[in-house]
Amino acid sequence: MILDTGGIIHLYGRYGVGKTVLLDKFAKQITGNYQCIMINYTAIEPYCFLLNLSKTLGMAGRNNTTNLVLQIQEYFKNAGGGIVLIIDEAQDLNIKTLEALKLITSQHVST
């Protein structure tokens, strides 16, 4: 599988058509220098979302949202290859969580 750098893909469809199955299959096919991170539960506050992401990355959680953002930014900056972040059920992200997501990814997405 060949991945280009940067960008966002939006996958949508009706309930029950297999979007999550497709995303899971896609994630399992990613090879090479890419690290795939899949977040499935998104109807949570920014701190909890970032804490979940940091734990998925194998990091110890920090004590507040700002520290989590800095920790995850540093992780992304030092990652050896590309990072593919898959957010299933992204429509459930609240605006503050989207803003936090923008902070951690904005320095690392090339267009």
N, C-alpha and C. Protein backbone atom coordinates (compact mmCIF):
# COMPACT_ATOMS: atom_id res chain seq x y z
N MET A 1 0.84 -1.17 0.00
CA MET A 1 0.00 0.00 0.00
C MET A 1 0.89 1.24 0.00
N ILE A 2 0.60 2.17 -0.86
CA ILE A 2 1.37 3.41 -0.94
C ILE A 2 0.54 4.52 -0.31
N LEU A 3 1.17 5.22 0.61
CA LEU A 3 0.51 6.36 1.25
C LEU A 3 1.28 7.63 0.90
N ASP A 4 0.56 8.66 0.57
CA ASP A 4 1.15 9.97 0.36
C ASP A 4 1.19 10.67 1.71
N THR A 5 1.95 11.73 1.82
CA THR A 5 2.01 12.44 3.09
C THR A 5 1.02 13.58 3.13
N GLY A 6 0.41 13.73 4.28
CA GLY A 6 -0.49 14.85 4.52
C GLY A 6 -1.90 14.59 4.06
N GLY A 7 -2.79 15.38 4.60
CA GLY A 7 -4.16 15.34 4.15
C GLY A 7 -5.10 14.63 5.08
N ILE A 8 -6.36 14.76 4.77
CA ILE A 8 -7.43 14.16 5.55
C ILE A 8 -8.37 13.44 4.58
N ILE A 9 -8.80 12.26 4.97
CA ILE A 9 -9.78 11.51 4.20
C ILE A 9 -11.04 11.42 5.03
N HIS A 10 -12.17 11.67 4.41
CA HIS A 10 -13.46 11.60 5.08
C HIS A 10 -14.23 10.43 4.47
N LEU A 11 -14.56 9.46 5.30
CA LEU A 11 -15.34 8.31 4.85
C LEU A 11 -16.71 8.39 5.52
N TYR A 12 -17.74 8.38 4.73
CA TYR A 12 -19.08 8.45 5.32
C TYR A 12 -20.02 7.49 4.61
N GLY A 13 -21.07 7.14 5.31
CA GLY A 13 -22.08 6.24 4.77
C GLY A 13 -23.12 5.97 5.84
N ARG A 14 -24.17 5.32 5.45
CA ARG A 14 -25.26 5.01 6.38
C ARG A 14 -24.80 4.05 7.47
N TYR A 15 -25.54 4.07 8.54
CA TYR A 15 -25.30 3.17 9.66
C TYR A 15 -25.35 1.71 9.20
N GLY A 16 -24.34 0.94 9.58
CA GLY A 16 -24.36 -0.49 9.32
C GLY A 16 -23.83 -0.95 7.97
N VAL A 17 -23.24 -0.04 7.17
CA VAL A 17 -22.77 -0.46 5.86
C VAL A 17 -21.33 -0.99 5.88
N GLY A 18 -20.65 -0.90 7.02
CA GLY A 18 -19.32 -1.48 7.14
C GLY A 18 -18.16 -0.50 7.15
N LYS A 19 -18.40 0.74 7.53
CA LYS A 19 -17.32 1.74 7.54
C LYS A 19 -16.23 1.34 8.52
N THR A 20 -16.62 0.91 9.71
CA THR A 20 -15.62 0.54 10.73
C THR A 20 -14.83 -0.68 10.28
N VAL A 21 -15.50 -1.64 9.68
CA VAL A 21 -14.81 -2.83 9.16
C VAL A 21 -13.80 -2.43 8.09
N LEU A 22 -14.20 -1.53 7.20
CA LEU A 22 -13.31 -1.04 6.15
C LEU A 22 -12.10 -0.32 6.75
N LEU A 23 -12.33 0.54 7.73
CA LEU A 23 -11.23 1.25 8.38
C LEU A 23 -10.27 0.29 9.07
N ASP A 24 -10.81 -0.72 9.74
CA ASP A 24 -9.98 -1.71 10.41
C ASP A 24 -9.13 -2.48 9.41
N LYS A 25 -9.72 -2.86 8.29
CA LYS A 25 -8.98 -3.58 7.24
C LYS A 25 -7.89 -2.68 6.66
N PHE A 26 -8.22 -1.42 6.40
CA PHE A 26 -7.25 -0.44 5.92
C PHE A 26 -6.08 -0.32 6.89
N ALA A 27 -6.39 -0.19 8.18
CA ALA A 27 -5.35 -0.03 9.21
C ALA A 27 -4.40 -1.23 9.24
N LYS A 28 -4.94 -2.42 9.06
CA LYS A 28 -4.12 -3.63 9.10
C LYS A 28 -3.23 -3.78 7.87
N GLN A 29 -3.55 -3.08 6.79
CA GLN A 29 -2.76 -3.18 5.56
C GLN A 29 -1.64 -2.14 5.50
N ILE A 30 -1.60 -1.24 6.45
CA ILE A 30 -0.57 -0.20 6.44
C ILE A 30 0.75 -0.83 6.87
N THR A 31 1.76 -0.66 6.04
CA THR A 31 3.06 -1.25 6.32
C THR A 31 4.15 -0.20 6.16
N GLY A 32 5.36 -0.63 6.28
CA GLY A 32 6.49 0.27 6.08
C GLY A 32 6.78 1.10 7.32
N ASN A 33 7.17 2.33 7.10
CA ASN A 33 7.55 3.22 8.19
C ASN A 33 6.36 3.94 8.83
N TYR A 34 5.16 3.52 8.50
CA TYR A 34 3.97 4.18 9.03
C TYR A 34 3.51 3.52 10.32
N GLN A 35 3.11 4.34 11.26
CA GLN A 35 2.50 3.86 12.48
C GLN A 35 1.01 4.21 12.40
N CYS A 36 0.16 3.22 12.57
CA CYS A 36 -1.28 3.44 12.47
C CYS A 36 -1.87 3.48 13.87
N ILE A 37 -2.64 4.53 14.12
CA ILE A 37 -3.32 4.70 15.40
C ILE A 37 -4.80 4.80 15.09
N MET A 38 -5.60 3.95 15.74
CA MET A 38 -7.04 3.98 15.50
C MET A 38 -7.76 4.29 16.80
N ILE A 39 -8.54 5.37 16.78
CA ILE A 39 -9.33 5.78 17.95
C ILE A 39 -10.79 5.50 17.61
N ASN A 40 -11.46 4.74 18.46
CA ASN A 40 -12.83 4.34 18.16
C ASN A 40 -13.89 5.09 18.96
N TYR A 41 -13.55 5.54 20.14
CA TYR A 41 -14.56 6.19 20.97
C TYR A 41 -14.26 7.67 21.07
N THR A 42 -15.17 8.51 20.57
CA THR A 42 -14.87 9.93 20.44
C THR A 42 -15.83 10.85 21.17
N ALA A 43 -16.91 10.35 21.71
CA ALA A 43 -17.91 11.21 22.36
C ALA A 43 -17.46 11.55 23.78
N ILE A 44 -16.28 12.15 23.87
CA ILE A 44 -15.69 12.48 25.17
C ILE A 44 -15.05 13.86 25.11
N GLU A 45 -14.75 14.39 26.26
CA GLU A 45 -14.13 15.72 26.36
C GLU A 45 -12.69 15.67 25.85
N PRO A 46 -12.12 16.84 25.50
CA PRO A 46 -10.77 16.89 24.94
C PRO A 46 -9.71 16.19 25.79
N TYR A 47 -9.73 16.42 27.10
CA TYR A 47 -8.72 15.80 27.96
C TYR A 47 -8.79 14.28 27.85
N CYS A 48 -9.99 13.73 27.92
CA CYS A 48 -10.15 12.27 27.84
C CYS A 48 -9.74 11.73 26.48
N PHE A 49 -10.08 12.46 25.41
CA PHE A 49 -9.68 12.05 24.06
C PHE A 49 -8.16 12.01 23.95
N LEU A 50 -7.51 13.08 24.41
CA LEU A 50 -6.04 13.15 24.33
C LEU A 50 -5.39 12.12 25.24
N LEU A 51 -5.97 11.88 26.41
CA LEU A 51 -5.45 10.86 27.31
C LEU A 51 -5.55 9.49 26.65
N ASN A 52 -6.67 9.20 26.00
CA ASN A 52 -6.85 7.95 25.27
C ASN A 52 -5.81 7.82 24.16
N LEU A 53 -5.59 8.90 23.41
CA LEU A 53 -4.59 8.89 22.34
C LEU A 53 -3.20 8.65 22.90
N SER A 54 -2.85 9.33 23.98
CA SER A 54 -1.51 9.16 24.56
C SER A 54 -1.31 7.73 25.06
N LYS A 55 -2.33 7.15 25.66
CA LYS A 55 -2.22 5.76 26.12
C LYS A 55 -2.11 4.79 24.95
N THR A 56 -2.84 5.09 23.85
CA THR A 56 -2.73 4.27 22.64
C THR A 56 -1.32 4.32 22.08
N LEU A 57 -0.66 5.48 22.22
CA LEU A 57 0.72 5.64 21.76
C LEU A 57 1.73 5.04 22.74
N GLY A 58 1.26 4.56 23.88
CA GLY A 58 2.14 3.95 24.86
C GLY A 58 2.81 4.94 25.80
N MET A 59 2.24 6.12 25.90
CA MET A 59 2.81 7.15 26.77
C MET A 59 2.03 7.19 28.08
N ALA A 60 2.72 7.62 29.12
CA ALA A 60 2.03 7.87 30.39
C ALA A 60 1.26 9.17 30.25
N GLY A 61 0.04 9.20 30.72
CA GLY A 61 -0.79 10.40 30.61
C GLY A 61 -0.24 11.54 31.44
N ARG A 62 -0.55 12.73 31.00
CA ARG A 62 -0.15 13.94 31.73
C ARG A 62 -1.33 14.47 32.52
N ASN A 63 -1.07 15.49 33.33
CA ASN A 63 -2.07 15.96 34.28
C ASN A 63 -3.05 16.99 33.74
N ASN A 64 -2.87 17.50 32.53
CA ASN A 64 -3.84 18.45 31.98
C ASN A 64 -3.77 18.44 30.46
N THR A 65 -4.75 19.09 29.84
CA THR A 65 -4.88 19.08 28.38
C THR A 65 -3.66 19.68 27.70
N THR A 66 -3.16 20.80 28.21
CA THR A 66 -2.00 21.46 27.60
C THR A 66 -0.80 20.54 27.59
N ASN A 67 -0.53 19.88 28.70
CA ASN A 67 0.61 18.97 28.77
C ASN A 67 0.43 17.77 27.85
N LEU A 68 -0.79 17.27 27.73
CA LEU A 68 -1.05 16.16 26.81
C LEU A 68 -0.80 16.58 25.37
N VAL A 69 -1.27 17.78 24.99
CA VAL A 69 -1.04 18.28 23.63
C VAL A 69 0.46 18.37 23.37
N LEU A 70 1.21 18.94 24.28
CA LEU A 70 2.67 19.06 24.11
C LEU A 70 3.34 17.70 24.00
N GLN A 71 2.92 16.76 24.83
CA GLN A 71 3.49 15.42 24.82
C GLN A 71 3.21 14.72 23.48
N ILE A 72 1.99 14.82 22.99
CA ILE A 72 1.63 14.17 21.73
C ILE A 72 2.31 14.86 20.55
N GLN A 73 2.40 16.19 20.57
CA GLN A 73 3.12 16.91 19.52
C GLN A 73 4.57 16.44 19.46
N GLU A 74 5.20 16.29 20.60
CA GLU A 74 6.59 15.84 20.65
C GLU A 74 6.71 14.42 20.10
N TYR A 75 5.76 13.57 20.44
CA TYR A 75 5.77 12.20 19.94
C TYR A 75 5.67 12.20 18.42
N PHE A 76 4.72 12.96 17.86
CA PHE A 76 4.55 13.03 16.41
C PHE A 76 5.80 13.59 15.75
N LYS A 77 6.41 14.58 16.36
CA LYS A 77 7.62 15.22 15.81
C LYS A 77 8.77 14.22 15.73
N ASN A 78 8.89 13.37 16.72
CA ASN A 78 10.01 12.43 16.80
C ASN A 78 9.71 11.06 16.21
N ALA A 79 8.52 10.87 15.69
CA ALA A 79 8.17 9.57 15.10
C ALA A 79 9.07 9.30 13.90
N GLY A 80 9.57 8.08 13.82
CA GLY A 80 10.50 7.73 12.76
C GLY A 80 9.91 7.78 11.36
N GLY A 81 8.68 7.39 11.22
CA GLY A 81 8.02 7.39 9.91
C GLY A 81 6.77 8.22 9.98
N GLY A 82 5.88 7.97 9.06
CA GLY A 82 4.62 8.70 9.06
C GLY A 82 3.64 8.12 10.07
N ILE A 83 2.71 8.94 10.47
CA ILE A 83 1.67 8.51 11.39
C ILE A 83 0.33 8.62 10.68
N VAL A 84 -0.42 7.53 10.71
CA VAL A 84 -1.77 7.51 10.16
C VAL A 84 -2.72 7.46 11.36
N LEU A 85 -3.47 8.53 11.54
CA LEU A 85 -4.41 8.62 12.65
C LEU A 85 -5.81 8.42 12.10
N ILE A 86 -6.46 7.33 12.52
CA ILE A 86 -7.81 7.01 12.08
C ILE A 86 -8.74 7.28 13.25
N ILE A 87 -9.74 8.14 13.01
CA ILE A 87 -10.71 8.45 14.04
C ILE A 87 -12.08 7.97 13.56
N ASP A 88 -12.50 6.85 14.12
CA ASP A 88 -13.81 6.30 13.78
C ASP A 88 -14.85 7.05 14.60
N GLU A 89 -15.99 7.32 14.03
CA GLU A 89 -17.06 8.08 14.66
C GLU A 89 -16.63 9.51 14.97
N ALA A 90 -15.88 10.11 14.06
CA ALA A 90 -15.37 11.47 14.25
C ALA A 90 -16.49 12.50 14.33
N GLN A 91 -17.66 12.17 13.83
CA GLN A 91 -18.77 13.12 13.92
C GLN A 91 -19.16 13.40 15.36
N ASP A 92 -18.75 12.55 16.29
CA ASP A 92 -19.07 12.74 17.70
C ASP A 92 -18.07 13.62 18.44
N LEU A 93 -17.00 14.02 17.77
CA LEU A 93 -16.03 14.91 18.41
C LEU A 93 -16.67 16.27 18.66
N ASN A 94 -16.48 16.81 19.86
CA ASN A 94 -17.00 18.15 20.10
C ASN A 94 -15.99 19.18 19.60
N ILE A 95 -16.39 20.43 19.53
CA ILE A 95 -15.56 21.47 18.93
C ILE A 95 -14.23 21.64 19.68
N LYS A 96 -14.24 21.52 20.99
CA LYS A 96 -12.99 21.69 21.75
C LYS A 96 -12.03 20.53 21.50
N THR A 97 -12.58 19.34 21.31
CA THR A 97 -11.73 18.19 20.99
C THR A 97 -11.16 18.35 19.58
N LEU A 98 -11.96 18.86 18.64
CA LEU A 98 -11.45 19.14 17.29
C LEU A 98 -10.32 20.17 17.33
N GLU A 99 -10.46 21.18 18.17
CA GLU A 99 -9.41 22.19 18.30
C GLU A 99 -8.12 21.57 18.85
N ALA A 100 -8.25 20.69 19.84
CA ALA A 100 -7.08 20.00 20.39
C ALA A 100 -6.44 19.11 19.33
N LEU A 101 -7.26 18.43 18.54
CA LEU A 101 -6.76 17.58 17.46
C LEU A 101 -6.02 18.42 16.43
N LYS A 102 -6.55 19.58 16.13
CA LYS A 102 -5.90 20.50 15.19
C LYS A 102 -4.52 20.91 15.72
N LEU A 103 -4.43 21.17 17.03
CA LEU A 103 -3.15 21.56 17.63
C LEU A 103 -2.10 20.46 17.49
N ILE A 104 -2.50 19.22 17.72
CA ILE A 104 -1.49 18.15 17.69
C ILE A 104 -1.10 17.74 16.28
N THR A 105 -1.96 18.03 15.29
CA THR A 105 -1.65 17.59 13.94
C THR A 105 -1.18 18.71 13.02
N SER A 106 -1.43 19.96 13.35
CA SER A 106 -1.17 21.05 12.42
C SER A 106 0.30 21.18 12.03
N GLN A 107 1.20 20.86 12.92
CA GLN A 107 2.62 20.97 12.61
C GLN A 107 3.12 19.80 11.79
N HIS A 108 2.30 18.77 11.62
CA HIS A 108 2.79 17.53 11.04
C HIS A 108 2.10 17.14 9.74
N VAL A 109 1.13 17.93 9.31
CA VAL A 109 0.42 17.62 8.07
C VAL A 109 0.97 18.50 6.98
N SER A 110 1.51 17.87 5.94
CA SER A 110 2.00 18.66 4.81
C SER A 110 0.97 18.59 3.70
N THR A 111 0.82 19.68 2.96
CA THR A 111 -0.17 19.69 1.89
C THR A 111 0.50 19.97 0.56
